[in-house]
Protein backbone atom coordinates (compact mmCIF):
# COMPACT_ATOMS: atom_id res chain seq x y z
CA MET A 1 30.15 35.78 58.62
CA GLU A 2 26.72 36.98 59.72
CA ASN A 3 26.08 37.38 63.44
CA PRO A 4 24.25 34.21 64.59
CA ILE A 5 21.77 36.19 66.67
CA ASP A 6 20.86 38.20 63.58
CA VAL A 7 20.33 34.93 61.71
CA ILE A 8 18.03 33.66 64.46
CA ALA A 9 16.14 36.95 64.68
CA GLY A 10 15.64 37.00 60.93
CA LEU A 11 14.07 33.55 61.01
CA GLY A 12 12.07 33.90 64.22
CA VAL A 13 12.57 30.25 65.13
CA VAL A 14 15.45 27.98 66.11
CA PRO A 15 15.11 24.18 66.35
CA VAL A 16 16.22 22.72 69.68
CA ILE A 17 17.66 19.28 69.01
CA ALA A 18 18.84 16.33 71.12
CA ILE A 19 20.60 14.01 68.66
CA GLU A 20 22.00 10.66 69.71
CA ARG A 21 24.32 9.68 66.85
CA ALA A 22 26.94 11.71 65.01
CA SER A 23 26.13 9.70 61.88
CA ASP A 24 22.77 11.48 61.75
CA ALA A 25 24.36 14.96 61.77
CA VAL A 26 24.56 15.53 58.02
CA PRO A 27 21.11 14.11 57.18
CA LEU A 28 19.68 16.32 59.93
CA ALA A 29 21.48 19.38 58.59
CA ASP A 30 20.25 18.65 55.07
CA ALA A 31 16.67 18.22 56.29
CA LEU A 32 16.74 21.59 58.05
CA LEU A 33 18.36 23.36 55.11
CA GLU A 34 15.85 21.87 52.68
CA GLY A 35 13.09 23.20 54.91
CA GLY A 36 14.57 26.69 54.75
CA LEU A 37 15.83 26.69 58.33
CA PRO A 38 19.60 27.30 58.29
CA VAL A 39 20.09 27.29 62.06
CA ALA A 40 20.15 24.64 64.78
CA GLU A 41 20.70 24.40 68.52
CA ILE A 42 22.34 21.07 69.32
CA THR A 43 21.80 20.38 73.01
CA PHE A 44 24.48 18.86 75.20
CA ARG A 45 21.98 16.36 76.59
CA THR A 46 23.62 13.56 74.61
CA GLU A 47 27.17 12.24 74.34
CA ALA A 48 27.10 12.84 70.59
CA ALA A 49 26.54 16.61 70.77
CA ALA A 50 30.13 17.78 70.25
CA ASP A 51 30.71 15.31 67.41
CA VAL A 52 27.45 16.41 65.77
CA LEU A 53 28.52 20.05 65.93
CA ALA A 54 31.92 19.24 64.43
CA ALA A 55 30.40 17.15 61.64
CA ILE A 56 28.01 19.93 60.64
CA ARG A 57 30.76 22.56 60.89
CA ASP A 58 32.99 20.55 58.58
CA THR A 59 30.40 19.45 56.01
CA ARG A 60 27.53 21.96 56.11
CA PRO A 61 29.05 25.31 57.13
CA GLU A 62 26.02 27.12 55.72
CA LEU A 63 24.04 25.85 58.73
CA CYS A 64 24.49 28.22 61.68
CA ILE A 65 25.07 25.84 64.58
CA GLY A 66 24.82 26.54 68.28
CA ALA A 67 25.05 24.55 71.49
CA GLY A 68 22.32 24.16 74.07
CA THR A 69 22.18 22.96 77.68
CA ILE A 70 25.58 24.46 78.46
CA LEU A 71 25.81 23.85 82.20
CA ASP A 72 29.55 23.93 82.88
CA ARG A 73 32.85 25.20 81.53
CA GLY A 74 33.73 21.80 80.09
CA SER A 75 30.63 21.75 77.91
CA LEU A 76 31.27 25.34 76.88
CA LYS A 77 34.82 24.52 75.79
CA ARG A 78 33.72 21.43 73.85
CA ALA A 79 31.02 23.45 72.14
CA ILE A 80 33.44 26.17 71.08
CA ASP A 81 36.07 23.65 69.96
CA SER A 82 33.42 21.85 67.89
CA GLY A 83 32.34 24.95 66.02
CA ALA A 84 29.36 26.33 67.96
CA ARG A 85 28.62 29.90 66.90
CA PHE A 86 26.26 30.59 69.81
CA ALA A 87 25.19 28.87 73.01
CA LEU A 88 22.25 28.71 75.37
CA ALA A 89 21.57 27.38 78.86
CA PRO A 90 18.39 26.55 80.81
CA GLY A 91 19.48 28.76 83.72
CA TYR A 92 21.78 31.63 84.60
CA ASP A 93 25.29 30.86 85.85
CA PRO A 94 27.41 34.04 85.93
CA GLU A 95 30.63 32.06 85.56
CA ILE A 96 29.45 30.42 82.33
CA ALA A 97 28.14 33.72 80.99
CA GLU A 98 31.48 35.38 81.77
CA ALA A 99 33.45 32.55 80.14
CA ALA A 100 31.31 32.74 77.00
CA GLY A 101 31.83 36.48 76.87
CA ALA A 102 35.59 36.06 77.22
CA ALA A 103 35.46 33.68 74.24
CA SER A 104 33.33 36.17 72.24
CA LEU A 105 30.61 33.54 71.94
CA PRO A 106 27.04 34.89 71.88
CA PHE A 107 25.42 33.32 74.93
CA CYS A 108 21.79 33.18 75.97
CA PRO A 109 21.30 32.10 79.60
CA GLY A 110 17.95 30.95 80.90
CA ILE A 111 15.65 32.94 83.18
CA MET A 112 12.17 32.28 84.55
CA THR A 113 11.54 35.06 87.10
CA PRO A 114 12.16 38.79 87.56
CA THR A 115 14.81 37.89 90.13
CA ASP A 116 16.65 35.75 87.58
CA LEU A 117 16.48 38.58 85.09
CA THR A 118 17.63 41.17 87.63
CA LEU A 119 20.75 39.13 88.39
CA ALA A 120 21.46 38.48 84.71
CA THR A 121 20.98 42.05 83.50
CA ALA A 122 23.21 43.34 86.30
CA ARG A 123 26.00 41.32 84.64
CA GLY A 124 25.23 42.70 81.20
CA VAL A 125 22.91 40.01 79.81
CA ARG A 126 20.63 41.45 77.13
CA LEU A 127 19.45 38.24 75.47
CA ALA A 128 17.86 35.59 77.68
CA LYS A 129 16.16 32.26 77.20
CA PHE A 130 12.72 32.17 78.86
CA PHE A 131 12.56 28.60 80.13
CA PRO A 132 10.51 26.50 80.58
CA ALA A 133 8.27 28.84 78.66
CA GLY A 134 5.00 26.95 78.89
CA VAL A 135 5.29 26.00 82.55
CA ALA A 136 6.45 29.52 83.41
CA GLY A 137 3.14 31.00 82.31
CA GLY A 138 3.23 31.49 78.56
CA PRO A 139 3.44 34.70 76.51
CA LYS A 140 1.45 36.81 78.98
CA ALA A 141 3.82 35.90 81.79
CA LEU A 142 6.86 36.78 79.70
CA ALA A 143 5.34 40.11 78.66
CA GLY A 144 4.76 40.93 82.33
CA ILE A 145 8.26 39.90 83.38
CA ALA A 146 9.86 41.78 80.49
CA ALA A 147 8.02 45.07 81.02
CA PRO A 148 10.13 46.49 83.91
CA PHE A 149 13.30 45.71 81.95
CA ALA A 150 12.20 47.19 78.62
CA HIS A 151 14.41 50.26 78.99
CA LEU A 152 17.45 47.95 79.08
CA GLY A 153 16.67 46.50 75.68
CA VAL A 154 16.45 42.90 76.92
CA ARG A 155 15.28 40.36 74.34
CA PHE A 156 14.16 36.76 74.73
CA ILE A 157 14.07 33.33 73.14
CA PRO A 158 11.23 31.39 74.82
CA THR A 159 11.78 27.62 74.77
CA GLY A 160 10.02 24.67 76.35
CA GLY A 161 6.34 24.13 75.59
CA VAL A 162 6.32 26.27 72.44
CA THR A 163 4.46 24.60 69.55
CA GLN A 164 3.73 25.26 65.91
CA ALA A 165 0.29 26.52 66.95
CA THR A 166 1.64 29.04 69.48
CA ILE A 167 4.46 30.62 67.45
CA GLY A 168 2.30 33.66 66.76
CA ASP A 169 1.38 34.15 70.42
CA TRP A 170 5.04 34.28 71.39
CA LEU A 171 6.19 36.48 68.52
CA ALA A 172 3.41 38.94 69.39
CA VAL A 173 5.53 39.81 72.44
CA LYS A 174 7.76 42.50 70.96
CA GLN A 175 10.78 41.57 73.08
CA VAL A 176 10.83 38.03 71.64
CA VAL A 177 13.60 37.54 69.07
CA ALA A 178 12.62 33.99 68.17
CA VAL A 179 11.09 30.87 69.65
CA GLY A 180 12.94 27.66 70.41
CA GLY A 181 11.23 24.64 68.90
CA THR A 182 11.74 21.09 70.13
CA TRP A 183 8.93 19.79 67.89
CA ILE A 184 10.78 20.56 64.65
CA ALA A 185 13.37 17.78 64.87
CA LYS A 186 12.39 15.32 67.58
CA THR A 187 14.92 12.82 68.84
CA GLU A 188 12.72 9.91 67.81
CA ASP A 189 12.26 11.28 64.30
CA ILE A 190 16.03 11.56 63.89
CA ARG A 191 16.57 8.11 65.37
CA GLU A 192 14.03 6.56 62.98
CA GLY A 193 15.32 8.46 59.94
CA ARG A 194 12.17 10.50 59.41
CA PHE A 195 14.06 13.39 57.86
CA ALA A 196 11.29 14.26 55.41
CA GLU A 197 9.08 14.93 58.43
CA ILE A 198 11.74 17.21 59.87
CA THR A 199 11.92 19.10 56.58
CA ARG A 200 8.13 19.59 56.63
CA ASN A 201 8.19 20.75 60.25
CA ALA A 202 11.01 23.19 59.50
CA ALA A 203 9.24 24.65 56.48
CA GLU A 204 5.99 25.09 58.38
CA ALA A 205 7.76 26.74 61.31
CA VAL A 206 9.68 29.15 59.06
CA LYS A 207 6.50 30.07 57.19
CA ALA A 208 4.54 30.74 60.38
CA ALA A 209 7.34 32.73 61.98
CA LYS A 210 7.80 34.85 58.85
CA GLU A 211 4.11 35.69 58.73
CA HIS A 212 4.05 36.82 62.35
CA LEU A 213 7.31 38.76 62.11
CA GLU A 214 5.91 40.64 59.12
CA LYS A 215 2.81 41.56 61.12
CA ARG A 216 5.03 42.94 63.86
CA ALA A 217 7.25 44.98 61.53
């Protein structure tokens, strides 16, 4: 099975999704797959997250699923038990990072400052979530933060405030593996069954990311 981080890096974009009902898991997965986006971060902001992961694992294994908003060991365990192949968090907690490493689960903790990144890299983190990306200063801020750590090979997934229109700005930062996109599959679109809209958003995001990754190659 392909490394999930390689899958994400190959696409340049990962949808960040807060889904409220497990019954919407398969339609969501199908919408993303139809749009050419075979990856999803299901955030643990809702009670349904673990059930959604399990449903996609069992019915649409071709979709590379991960868990977001992993804030404690309980959430981490539920994510792993439900089939998450990678996980992310909004901040850096060394205990969670260590537990994910012990479980051989690719984990991307959040950072926003050079201090955050110093602490994380000292513990071996080489892939970090830049969050909240827009509030934290945008692509120029990330490029500045990343520069002193370039020799360590640190890479980033900026999330929070990224839009379809700014994909290229973020991917122009060479240390960025992919962007996290909350606009691709919004909670309200899932709730209202607007899966065709999600498919369109996914296809547009994949197309834009591919174009900018090719420019960078």
